[in-house]
């Protein structure tokens, strides 16, 4: 599978500009022959949290319509990052996934809210796993801070997930953590990690970029720099099965003793 990570510089609090930019980049990736694209976290609004009540996408409907249409037209899978989705009186940080036919393949709302950026004051946490299937491969969606919770990641790979799709707005000062955590999650779960971060800055933060594709041995197959970029790489799911047979950690687990 050929996967493209759309490392956008997000226009703060301006969904119209961001929808147009995302569509342009997705079309560019599709024209270059990708099978799947992924966008970063909160790519429609950025961290304009105080205005989410007015700029969040109601029920994610605009995002779903655009991404479903593009997936169907271009014949690609789209892991549509995450967007601020207004649910009646609450707003969630939600990832939507679409297969090549344009059908919605998955939905996940960020479970772990990042208090250092005040997410808990403006967002409602999710309550469900992020599992979905693309091309017969079981995948999982994770959003930014989620990667600091290995038990949450393992809940997905213990269920059979072979690819972790991570959307993020990870700040530059913690770039070393970004790389170390993602590589660790790949090694300990013997899976591919497809991690799409944002580029650029907002009024309070500069973001790290460095989107990456990591294989089940923890080797970084490709990595972006800090600026806007479409990063594309190939994955082979046969490698997941090969590594899991060579070092059978899922067989050797003893979860009855882990509580």
C-alpha atoms as a PDB file:
ATOM      1  CA  UNK A   1       0.000   0.000   0.000  1.00  0.00           C
ATOM      2  CA  UNK A   2       1.308   3.437  -0.953  1.00  0.00           C
ATOM      3  CA  UNK A   3       0.473   6.022   1.738  1.00  0.00           C
ATOM      4  CA  UNK A   4       0.795   9.818   1.654  1.00  0.00           C
ATOM      5  CA  UNK A   5       0.945  11.964   4.792  1.00  0.00           C
ATOM      6  CA  UNK A   6      -0.339  15.508   4.225  1.00  0.00           C
ATOM      7  CA  UNK A   7       1.767  17.667   6.576  1.00  0.00           C
ATOM      8  CA  UNK A   8      -0.275  20.890   6.423  1.00  0.00           C
ATOM      9  CA  UNK A   9       0.396  24.327   7.854  1.00  0.00           C
ATOM     10  CA  UNK A  10      -3.089  24.941   9.279  1.00  0.00           C
ATOM     11  CA  UNK A  11      -4.736  28.368   9.015  1.00  0.00           C
ATOM     12  CA  UNK A  12      -5.734  29.247  12.591  1.00  0.00           C
ATOM     13  CA  UNK A  13      -9.522  29.285  13.015  1.00  0.00           C
ATOM     14  CA  UNK A  14     -10.230  29.394   9.262  1.00  0.00           C
ATOM     15  CA  UNK A  15     -12.037  26.230   8.092  1.00  0.00           C
ATOM     16  CA  UNK A  16     -12.712  27.525   4.550  1.00  0.00           C
ATOM     17  CA  UNK A  17      -9.010  28.049   3.857  1.00  0.00           C
ATOM     18  CA  UNK A  18      -8.112  24.689   5.400  1.00  0.00           C
ATOM     19  CA  UNK A  19     -10.726  22.709   3.462  1.00  0.00           C
ATOM     20  CA  UNK A  20      -9.405  24.173   0.206  1.00  0.00           C
ATOM     21  CA  UNK A  21      -5.770  23.465   1.125  1.00  0.00           C
ATOM     22  CA  UNK A  22      -6.511  19.877   2.178  1.00  0.00           C
ATOM     23  CA  UNK A  23      -8.434  19.152  -0.999  1.00  0.00           C
ATOM     24  CA  UNK A  24      -5.595  20.535  -3.148  1.00  0.00           C
ATOM     25  CA  UNK A  25      -2.989  18.419  -1.344  1.00  0.00           C
ATOM     26  CA  UNK A  26      -5.107  15.267  -1.499  1.00  0.00           C
ATOM     27  CA  UNK A  27      -5.544  15.735  -5.240  1.00  0.00           C
ATOM     28  CA  UNK A  28      -1.774  16.198  -5.615  1.00  0.00           C
ATOM     29  CA  UNK A  29      -1.093  12.973  -3.717  1.00  0.00           C
ATOM     30  CA  UNK A  30      -3.696  11.058  -5.727  1.00  0.00           C
ATOM     31  CA  UNK A  31      -2.259  12.298  -9.023  1.00  0.00           C
ATOM     32  CA  UNK A  32       1.126  10.901  -7.927  1.00  0.00           C
ATOM     33  CA  UNK A  33      -0.391   7.443  -7.484  1.00  0.00           C
ATOM     34  CA  UNK A  34      -1.062   7.071  -3.755  1.00  0.00           C
ATOM     35  CA  UNK A  35      -3.489   4.483  -2.340  1.00  0.00           C
ATOM     36  CA  UNK A  36      -4.224   6.247   0.941  1.00  0.00           C
ATOM     37  CA  UNK A  37      -3.799   9.697   2.490  1.00  0.00           C
ATOM     38  CA  UNK A  38      -3.856  10.905   6.087  1.00  0.00           C
ATOM     39  CA  UNK A  39      -4.312  14.443   7.426  1.00  0.00           C
ATOM     40  CA  UNK A  40      -3.160  15.927  10.769  1.00  0.00           C
ATOM     41  CA  UNK A  41      -5.150  16.654  13.916  1.00  0.00           C
ATOM     42  CA  UNK A  42      -7.750  19.470  14.034  1.00  0.00           C
ATOM     43  CA  UNK A  43      -6.807  20.417  10.482  1.00  0.00           C
ATOM     44  CA  UNK A  44      -9.977  22.436   9.830  1.00  0.00           C
ATOM     45  CA  UNK A  45      -9.551  24.840  12.767  1.00  0.00           C
ATOM     46  CA  UNK A  46      -6.190  24.381  14.441  1.00  0.00           C
ATOM     47  CA  UNK A  47      -6.145  24.980  18.187  1.00  0.00           C
ATOM     48  CA  UNK A  48      -8.598  27.901  18.079  1.00  0.00           C
ATOM     49  CA  UNK A  49     -10.327  26.246  21.030  1.00  0.00           C
ATOM     50  CA  UNK A  50     -12.139  29.273  22.422  1.00  0.00           C
ATOM     51  CA  UNK A  51     -14.131  29.637  19.192  1.00  0.00           C
ATOM     52  CA  UNK A  52     -14.913  25.975  18.565  1.00  0.00           C
ATOM     53  CA  UNK A  53     -18.540  26.530  19.494  1.00  0.00           C
ATOM     54  CA  UNK A  54     -18.955  28.640  16.370  1.00  0.00           C
ATOM     55  CA  UNK A  55     -16.379  27.179  13.937  1.00  0.00           C
ATOM     56  CA  UNK A  56     -16.611  23.426  14.654  1.00  0.00           C
ATOM     57  CA  UNK A  57     -18.168  21.283  11.917  1.00  0.00           C
ATOM     58  CA  UNK A  58     -21.732  20.323  13.014  1.00  0.00           C
ATOM     59  CA  UNK A  59     -21.699  16.545  13.316  1.00  0.00           C
ATOM     60  CA  UNK A  60     -18.654  16.482  11.044  1.00  0.00           C
ATOM     61  CA  UNK A  61     -21.034  16.734   8.091  1.00  0.00           C
ATOM     62  CA  UNK A  62     -19.016  19.117   5.908  1.00  0.00           C
ATOM     63  CA  UNK A  63     -15.863  17.091   6.471  1.00  0.00           C
ATOM     64  CA  UNK A  64     -17.623  13.810   5.758  1.00  0.00           C
ATOM     65  CA  UNK A  65     -19.209  15.080   2.549  1.00  0.00           C
ATOM     66  CA  UNK A  66     -15.930  16.485   1.184  1.00  0.00           C
ATOM     67  CA  UNK A  67     -13.755  13.511   2.138  1.00  0.00           C
ATOM     68  CA  UNK A  68     -16.262  10.876   1.056  1.00  0.00           C
ATOM     69  CA  UNK A  69     -16.615  12.588  -2.326  1.00  0.00           C
ATOM     70  CA  UNK A  70     -12.854  12.853  -2.820  1.00  0.00           C
ATOM     71  CA  UNK A  71     -12.276   9.226  -1.822  1.00  0.00           C
ATOM     72  CA  UNK A  72     -14.898   8.049  -4.310  1.00  0.00           C
ATOM     73  CA  UNK A  73     -13.762  10.365  -7.127  1.00  0.00           C
ATOM     74  CA  UNK A  74     -10.040   9.637  -6.730  1.00  0.00           C
ATOM     75  CA  UNK A  75     -10.345   5.959  -5.795  1.00  0.00           C
ATOM     76  CA  UNK A  76      -8.214   6.284  -2.644  1.00  0.00           C
ATOM     77  CA  UNK A  77      -8.616   5.689   1.072  1.00  0.00           C
ATOM     78  CA  UNK A  78      -8.719   8.846   3.197  1.00  0.00           C
ATOM     79  CA  UNK A  79      -7.910   8.910   6.911  1.00  0.00           C
ATOM     80  CA  UNK A  80      -9.296  12.404   7.359  1.00  0.00           C
ATOM     81  CA  UNK A  81      -7.109  13.405  10.279  1.00  0.00           C
ATOM     82  CA  UNK A  82      -9.318  14.815  12.991  1.00  0.00           C
ATOM     83  CA  UNK A  83     -11.677  17.769  13.106  1.00  0.00           C
ATOM     84  CA  UNK A  84     -13.591  19.656  15.737  1.00  0.00           C
ATOM     85  CA  UNK A  85     -17.067  18.127  15.427  1.00  0.00           C
ATOM     86  CA  UNK A  86     -19.990  19.795  17.190  1.00  0.00           C
ATOM     87  CA  UNK A  87     -22.352  17.293  18.810  1.00  0.00           C
ATOM     88  CA  UNK A  88     -25.378  19.248  20.109  1.00  0.00           C
ATOM     89  CA  UNK A  89     -23.905  21.033  23.171  1.00  0.00           C
ATOM     90  CA  UNK A  90     -20.467  19.371  23.032  1.00  0.00           C
ATOM     91  CA  UNK A  91     -17.488  19.352  20.667  1.00  0.00           C
ATOM     92  CA  UNK A  92     -15.364  16.259  20.012  1.00  0.00           C
ATOM     93  CA  UNK A  93     -11.961  15.877  18.348  1.00  0.00           C
ATOM     94  CA  UNK A  94     -12.993  13.256  15.793  1.00  0.00           C
ATOM     95  CA  UNK A  95     -11.266  11.243  13.069  1.00  0.00           C
ATOM     96  CA  UNK A  96     -13.293  10.043  10.066  1.00  0.00           C
ATOM     97  CA  UNK A  97     -12.075   7.348   7.665  1.00  0.00           C
ATOM     98  CA  UNK A  98     -13.319   6.637   4.123  1.00  0.00           C
ATOM     99  CA  UNK A  99     -12.539   3.750   1.791  1.00  0.00           C
ATOM    100  CA  UNK A 100     -12.028   3.871  -1.973  1.00  0.00           C
ATOM    101  CA  UNK A 101     -15.765   3.723  -2.641  1.00  0.00           C
ATOM    102  CA  UNK A 102     -16.396   6.783  -0.475  1.00  0.00           C
ATOM    103  CA  UNK A 103     -18.067   4.722   2.256  1.00  0.00           C
ATOM    104  CA  UNK A 104     -17.237   5.660   5.825  1.00  0.00           C
ATOM    105  CA  UNK A 105     -14.964   2.922   7.182  1.00  0.00           C
ATOM    106  CA  UNK A 106     -14.363   4.277  10.669  1.00  0.00           C
ATOM    107  CA  UNK A 107     -14.811   7.026  13.239  1.00  0.00           C
ATOM    108  CA  UNK A 108     -12.867   7.755  16.412  1.00  0.00           C
ATOM    109  CA  UNK A 109     -13.040  10.597  18.935  1.00  0.00           C
ATOM    110  CA  UNK A 110      -9.870  11.409  20.898  1.00  0.00           C
ATOM    111  CA  UNK A 111      -9.959   9.533  24.185  1.00  0.00           C
ATOM    112  CA  UNK A 112      -7.148  11.309  26.042  1.00  0.00           C
ATOM    113  CA  UNK A 113      -7.483  15.098  26.197  1.00  0.00           C
ATOM    114  CA  UNK A 114      -4.286  17.122  26.587  1.00  0.00           C
ATOM    115  CA  UNK A 115      -4.630  19.379  29.606  1.00  0.00           C
ATOM    116  CA  UNK A 116      -1.447  21.355  28.836  1.00  0.00           C
ATOM    117  CA  UNK A 117      -3.255  22.849  25.822  1.00  0.00           C
ATOM    118  CA  UNK A 118      -6.635  23.170  27.646  1.00  0.00           C
ATOM    119  CA  UNK A 119      -8.380  20.524  25.545  1.00  0.00           C
ATOM    120  CA  UNK A 120     -10.345  19.342  28.570  1.00  0.00           C
ATOM    121  CA  UNK A 121     -11.979  22.784  28.852  1.00  0.00           C
ATOM    122  CA  UNK A 122     -13.379  22.795  25.320  1.00  0.00           C
ATOM    123  CA  UNK A 123     -13.645  19.188  24.130  1.00  0.00           C
ATOM    124  CA  UNK A 124     -15.585  16.100  25.149  1.00  0.00           C
ATOM    125  CA  UNK A 125     -13.465  12.903  25.272  1.00  0.00           C
ATOM    126  CA  UNK A 126     -14.345   9.851  23.217  1.00  0.00           C
ATOM    127  CA  UNK A 127     -15.414   6.521  24.702  1.00  0.00           C
ATOM    128  CA  UNK A 128     -14.689   3.934  21.976  1.00  0.00           C
ATOM    129  CA  UNK A 129     -11.779   2.253  20.184  1.00  0.00           C
ATOM    130  CA  UNK A 130     -10.547   3.465  16.815  1.00  0.00           C
ATOM    131  CA  UNK A 131     -10.537   0.197  14.844  1.00  0.00           C
ATOM    132  CA  UNK A 132     -11.371   0.124  11.126  1.00  0.00           C
ATOM    133  CA  UNK A 133     -10.540  -1.952   8.049  1.00  0.00           C
ATOM    134  CA  UNK A 134      -8.926  -0.829   4.772  1.00  0.00           C
ATOM    135  CA  UNK A 135      -8.057  -3.303   1.998  1.00  0.00           C
ATOM    136  CA  UNK A 136      -8.705  -6.199   4.418  1.00  0.00           C
ATOM    137  CA  UNK A 137      -6.115  -4.802   6.856  1.00  0.00           C
ATOM    138  CA  UNK A 138      -7.248  -4.069  10.408  1.00  0.00           C
ATOM    139  CA  UNK A 139      -6.133  -0.550  11.354  1.00  0.00           C
ATOM    140  CA  UNK A 140      -6.478   1.751  14.340  1.00  0.00           C
ATOM    141  CA  UNK A 141      -6.822   5.515  14.566  1.00  0.00           C
ATOM    142  CA  UNK A 142      -5.028   7.459  17.299  1.00  0.00           C
ATOM    143  CA  UNK A 143      -4.853  11.199  17.914  1.00  0.00           C
ATOM    144  CA  UNK A 144      -1.720  12.934  19.216  1.00  0.00           C
ATOM    145  CA  UNK A 145      -1.620  12.580  23.046  1.00  0.00           C
ATOM    146  CA  UNK A 146      -2.988   9.017  22.689  1.00  0.00           C
ATOM    147  CA  UNK A 147       0.507   7.772  21.815  1.00  0.00           C
ATOM    148  CA  UNK A 148       1.630   8.412  25.403  1.00  0.00           C
ATOM    149  CA  UNK A 149      -0.729   5.627  26.558  1.00  0.00           C
ATOM    150  CA  UNK A 150       0.775   2.289  25.477  1.00  0.00           C
ATOM    151  CA  UNK A 151      -2.042   0.331  27.109  1.00  0.00           C
ATOM    152  CA  UNK A 152      -4.536   2.101  24.830  1.00  0.00           C
ATOM    153  CA  UNK A 153      -2.452   1.329  21.763  1.00  0.00           C
ATOM    154  CA  UNK A 154      -2.084  -2.325  22.831  1.00  0.00           C
ATOM    155  CA  UNK A 155      -5.874  -2.604  23.195  1.00  0.00           C
ATOM    156  CA  UNK A 156      -6.012  -2.184  19.404  1.00  0.00           C
ATOM    157  CA  UNK A 157      -3.059  -4.346  18.369  1.00  0.00           C
ATOM    158  CA  UNK A 158      -4.136  -7.140  20.740  1.00  0.00           C
ATOM    159  CA  UNK A 159      -7.353  -7.129  18.706  1.00  0.00           C
ATOM    160  CA  UNK A 160      -5.271  -7.640  15.541  1.00  0.00           C
ATOM    161  CA  UNK A 161      -4.528  -4.115  14.272  1.00  0.00           C
ATOM    162  CA  UNK A 162      -1.537  -4.091  11.900  1.00  0.00           C
ATOM    163  CA  UNK A 163      -1.395  -0.372  11.073  1.00  0.00           C
ATOM    164  CA  UNK A 164      -1.636   2.556  13.490  1.00  0.00           C
ATOM    165  CA  UNK A 165      -2.704   5.820  11.870  1.00  0.00           C
ATOM    166  CA  UNK A 166      -1.745   8.782  14.088  1.00  0.00           C
ATOM    167  CA  UNK A 167      -2.929  12.348  13.466  1.00  0.00           C
ATOM    168  CA  UNK A 168      -1.308  15.059  15.558  1.00  0.00           C
ATOM    169  CA  UNK A 169      -0.523  18.679  16.332  1.00  0.00           C
ATOM    170  CA  UNK A 170       2.673  17.894  18.230  1.00  0.00           C
ATOM    171  CA  UNK A 171       4.695  20.921  19.433  1.00  0.00           C
ATOM    172  CA  UNK A 172       8.308  21.390  18.361  1.00  0.00           C
ATOM    173  CA  UNK A 173       9.783  21.525  21.914  1.00  0.00           C
ATOM    174  CA  UNK A 174       8.804  17.859  22.398  1.00  0.00           C
ATOM    175  CA  UNK A 175       9.990  16.585  19.008  1.00  0.00           C
ATOM    176  CA  UNK A 176      12.307  14.071  20.686  1.00  0.00           C
ATOM    177  CA  UNK A 177       9.327  12.584  22.531  1.00  0.00           C
ATOM    178  CA  UNK A 178       7.327  12.383  19.286  1.00  0.00           C
ATOM    179  CA  UNK A 179      10.011  10.321  17.589  1.00  0.00           C
ATOM    180  CA  UNK A 180      10.793   8.098  20.594  1.00  0.00           C
ATOM    181  CA  UNK A 181       7.163   7.346  21.417  1.00  0.00           C
ATOM    182  CA  UNK A 182       6.199   6.521  17.835  1.00  0.00           C
ATOM    183  CA  UNK A 183       9.202   4.238  17.321  1.00  0.00           C
ATOM    184  CA  UNK A 184       8.471   2.518  20.635  1.00  0.00           C
ATOM    185  CA  UNK A 185       4.816   1.969  19.713  1.00  0.00           C
ATOM    186  CA  UNK A 186       5.910   0.352  16.423  1.00  0.00           C
ATOM    187  CA  UNK A 187       8.456  -1.953  18.071  1.00  0.00           C
ATOM    188  CA  UNK A 188       6.347  -3.086  21.018  1.00  0.00           C
ATOM    189  CA  UNK A 189       3.270  -3.689  18.841  1.00  0.00           C
ATOM    190  CA  UNK A 190       5.135  -5.063  15.797  1.00  0.00           C
ATOM    191  CA  UNK A 191       3.086  -2.910  13.448  1.00  0.00           C
ATOM    192  CA  UNK A 192       3.351  -0.040  11.004  1.00  0.00           C
ATOM    193  CA  UNK A 193       2.951   3.450  12.432  1.00  0.00           C
ATOM    194  CA  UNK A 194       1.751   6.117  10.001  1.00  0.00           C
ATOM    195  CA  UNK A 195       2.088   9.392  11.920  1.00  0.00           C
ATOM    196  CA  UNK A 196       0.988  12.691  10.370  1.00  0.00           C
ATOM    197  CA  UNK A 197       1.865  15.856  12.281  1.00  0.00           C
ATOM    198  CA  UNK A 198       1.132  19.451  11.277  1.00  0.00           C
ATOM    199  CA  UNK A 199       3.631  22.074  10.147  1.00  0.00           C
ATOM    200  CA  UNK A 200       3.837  25.774  11.008  1.00  0.00           C
ATOM    201  CA  UNK A 201       2.697  27.707  14.061  1.00  0.00           C
ATOM    202  CA  UNK A 202      -0.345  29.205  15.764  1.00  0.00           C
ATOM    203  CA  UNK A 203      -0.462  32.193  18.159  1.00  0.00           C
ATOM    204  CA  UNK A 204       0.813  30.060  21.048  1.00  0.00           C
ATOM    205  CA  UNK A 205       2.826  27.164  19.597  1.00  0.00           C
ATOM    206  CA  UNK A 206       5.287  26.094  16.926  1.00  0.00           C
ATOM    207  CA  UNK A 207       4.711  22.567  15.693  1.00  0.00           C
ATOM    208  CA  UNK A 208       7.279  19.875  14.990  1.00  0.00           C
ATOM    209  CA  UNK A 209       6.329  18.454  11.605  1.00  0.00           C
ATOM    210  CA  UNK A 210       8.456  15.308  11.170  1.00  0.00           C
ATOM    211  CA  UNK A 211       5.609  13.097   9.993  1.00  0.00           C
ATOM    212  CA  UNK A 212       6.870   9.531   9.703  1.00  0.00           C
ATOM    213  CA  UNK A 213       6.233   6.025   8.460  1.00  0.00           C
ATOM    214  CA  UNK A 214       7.777   3.420  10.772  1.00  0.00           C
ATOM    215  CA  UNK A 215       7.924  -0.313  10.103  1.00  0.00           C
ATOM    216  CA  UNK A 216       7.295  -3.192  12.568  1.00  0.00           C
ATOM    217  CA  UNK A 217      11.006  -3.368  13.498  1.00  0.00           C
ATOM    218  CA  UNK A 218      10.957   0.308  14.469  1.00  0.00           C
ATOM    219  CA  UNK A 219      12.890   1.433  11.399  1.00  0.00           C
ATOM    220  CA  UNK A 220      11.881   4.865  10.072  1.00  0.00           C
ATOM    221  CA  UNK A 221      11.099   4.301   6.397  1.00  0.00           C
ATOM    222  CA  UNK A 222      10.603   7.994   5.620  1.00  0.00           C
ATOM    223  CA  UNK A 223      10.375  11.223   7.605  1.00  0.00           C
ATOM    224  CA  UNK A 224       9.354  14.757   6.717  1.00  0.00           C
ATOM    225  CA  UNK A 225      11.183  17.914   7.739  1.00  0.00           C
ATOM    226  CA  UNK A 226       9.500  20.725   9.684  1.00  0.00           C
ATOM    227  CA  UNK A 227       7.772  22.572   6.830  1.00  0.00           C
ATOM    228  CA  UNK A 228       4.707  21.715   4.731  1.00  0.00           C
ATOM    229  CA  UNK A 229       5.209  18.515   2.775  1.00  0.00           C
ATOM    230  CA  UNK A 230       3.482  15.522   1.240  1.00  0.00           C
ATOM    231  CA  UNK A 231       5.428  12.526   2.533  1.00  0.00           C
ATOM    232  CA  UNK A 232       4.833   9.261   0.676  1.00  0.00           C
ATOM    233  CA  UNK A 233       6.026   5.744   1.408  1.00  0.00           C
ATOM    234  CA  UNK A 234       5.207   2.097   0.781  1.00  0.00           C
ATOM    235  CA  UNK A 235       4.211  -0.489   3.374  1.00  0.00           C
ATOM    236  CA  UNK A 236       4.018  -4.271   3.085  1.00  0.00           C
ATOM    237  CA  UNK A 237       1.693  -5.975   5.559  1.00  0.00           C
ATOM    238  CA  UNK A 238       3.524  -9.247   5.014  1.00  0.00           C
ATOM    239  CA  UNK A 239       6.296  -7.734   7.141  1.00  0.00           C
ATOM    240  CA  UNK A 240       3.930  -7.382  10.126  1.00  0.00           C
ATOM    241  CA  UNK A 241       3.110 -11.082  10.001  1.00  0.00           C
ATOM    242  CA  UNK A 242       6.779 -11.994   9.516  1.00  0.00           C
ATOM    243  CA  UNK A 243       7.920  -9.998  12.553  1.00  0.00           C
ATOM    244  CA  UNK A 244       5.075 -11.272  14.734  1.00  0.00           C
ATOM    245  CA  UNK A 245       6.039 -14.863  13.886  1.00  0.00           C
ATOM    246  CA  UNK A 246       9.735 -14.254  14.509  1.00  0.00           C
ATOM    247  CA  UNK A 247       9.215 -12.722  17.980  1.00  0.00           C
ATOM    248  CA  UNK A 248       5.769 -13.961  19.145  1.00  0.00           C
ATOM    249  CA  UNK A 249       4.986 -11.330  21.768  1.00  0.00           C
ATOM    250  CA  UNK A 250       1.225 -11.602  21.295  1.00  0.00           C
ATOM    251  CA  UNK A 251       1.371 -15.355  21.994  1.00  0.00           C
ATOM    252  CA  UNK A 252       3.645 -14.852  25.000  1.00  0.00           C
ATOM    253  CA  UNK A 253       1.576 -12.136  26.688  1.00  0.00           C
ATOM    254  CA  UNK A 254       0.123 -12.935  30.153  1.00  0.00           C
ATOM    255  CA  UNK A 255      -2.665 -10.344  30.435  1.00  0.00           C
ATOM    256  CA  UNK A 256      -4.263 -12.129  33.415  1.00  0.00           C
ATOM    257  CA  UNK A 257      -1.331 -10.862  35.507  1.00  0.00           C
ATOM    258  CA  UNK A 258      -1.243  -7.294  34.167  1.00  0.00           C
ATOM    259  CA  UNK A 259      -4.000  -5.772  36.290  1.00  0.00           C
END
